[in-house]
Amino acid sequence: MSTTPPHAIQRASTHADDELLTLQEVAAMVRVPVATLRYWRHLGTGPRSFRIGRCVRYWRTEVASWLDNQSSEAVD
């Protein structure tokens, strides 16, 4: 019998082929200063991020999805 909850397995497989990005990498990708990303993180308006120890990380697909949402909202 497995002790791992099913939602944990699904969540892990969602990003199985994804790449983790640093603040600096996302800032370069989005072309904003790192300080702006930190501010967006504080406000909760930027791409979804999380901590691994003391480091902030982003999934590449989450950043791409956030960019898509930003561009579609700008057209409205």
Protein backbone atom coordinates (compact mmCIF):
# COMPACT_ATOMS: atom_id res chain seq x y z
CA MET A 1 0.00 0.00 0.00
CA SER A 2 1.38 3.40 -1.01
CA THR A 3 1.63 6.18 1.58
CA THR A 4 2.04 8.95 -1.03
CA PRO A 5 -1.21 10.86 -1.60
CA PRO A 6 -2.46 10.75 -5.23
CA HIS A 7 -2.41 14.56 -5.56
CA ALA A 8 1.32 14.60 -4.70
CA ILE A 9 2.08 12.15 -7.51
CA GLN A 10 0.02 14.16 -9.99
CA ARG A 11 1.65 17.45 -8.95
CA ALA A 12 5.16 15.98 -9.31
CA SER A 13 4.42 14.60 -12.77
CA THR A 14 3.02 17.96 -13.94
CA HIS A 15 6.54 19.41 -14.01
CA ALA A 16 8.45 16.21 -14.67
CA ASP A 17 9.91 17.50 -17.96
CA ASP A 18 9.99 21.15 -16.87
CA GLU A 19 12.97 23.33 -16.00
CA LEU A 20 13.51 25.32 -12.82
CA LEU A 21 14.50 28.96 -13.33
CA THR A 22 16.15 31.46 -10.98
CA LEU A 23 15.03 35.05 -10.39
CA GLN A 24 17.80 36.25 -12.68
CA GLU A 25 16.79 33.87 -15.49
CA VAL A 26 13.12 34.88 -15.29
CA ALA A 27 14.05 38.57 -15.16
CA ALA A 28 16.07 38.12 -18.36
CA MET A 29 13.23 36.13 -19.97
CA VAL A 30 10.60 38.76 -19.10
CA ARG A 31 13.09 41.62 -19.63
CA VAL A 32 12.51 43.35 -16.31
CA PRO A 33 14.90 44.08 -13.44
CA VAL A 34 15.20 41.44 -10.70
CA ALA A 35 13.83 44.04 -8.26
CA THR A 36 10.62 44.25 -10.31
CA LEU A 37 10.18 40.47 -10.12
CA ARG A 38 10.70 40.63 -6.36
CA TYR A 39 8.07 43.38 -6.11
CA TRP A 40 5.61 41.42 -8.24
CA ARG A 41 6.27 38.40 -6.01
CA HIS A 42 5.51 40.53 -2.94
CA LEU A 43 2.26 41.76 -4.52
CA GLY A 44 1.34 38.29 -5.81
CA THR A 45 0.94 39.58 -9.36
CA GLY A 46 3.94 38.05 -11.11
CA PRO A 47 4.55 34.52 -12.33
CA ARG A 48 3.94 31.84 -9.72
CA SER A 49 7.08 31.11 -7.74
CA PHE A 50 8.14 29.07 -4.74
CA ARG A 51 11.07 28.61 -2.41
CA ILE A 52 13.55 25.79 -2.22
CA GLY A 53 15.35 26.52 1.01
CA ARG A 54 16.36 30.18 0.76
CA CYS A 55 16.18 30.31 -3.06
CA VAL A 56 13.21 31.45 -5.15
CA ARG A 57 12.47 29.30 -8.18
CA TYR A 58 10.02 29.33 -11.08
CA TRP A 59 8.87 26.59 -13.43
CA ARG A 60 9.55 27.59 -17.04
CA THR A 61 6.04 26.51 -18.15
CA GLU A 62 4.45 28.62 -15.37
CA VAL A 63 6.37 31.70 -16.54
CA ALA A 64 5.35 31.06 -20.16
CA SER A 65 1.72 30.60 -19.11
CA TRP A 66 1.83 33.84 -17.08
CA LEU A 67 3.26 35.68 -20.11
CA ASP A 68 0.48 34.28 -22.31
CA ASN A 69 -2.12 35.50 -19.80
CA GLN A 70 -0.50 38.95 -19.68
CA SER A 71 -0.51 39.27 -23.45
CA SER A 72 -4.13 38.13 -23.78
CA GLU A 73 -5.29 40.54 -21.05
CA ALA A 74 -3.48 43.43 -22.77
CA VAL A 75 -5.51 42.87 -25.96
CA ASP A 76 -8.90 43.10 -24.21
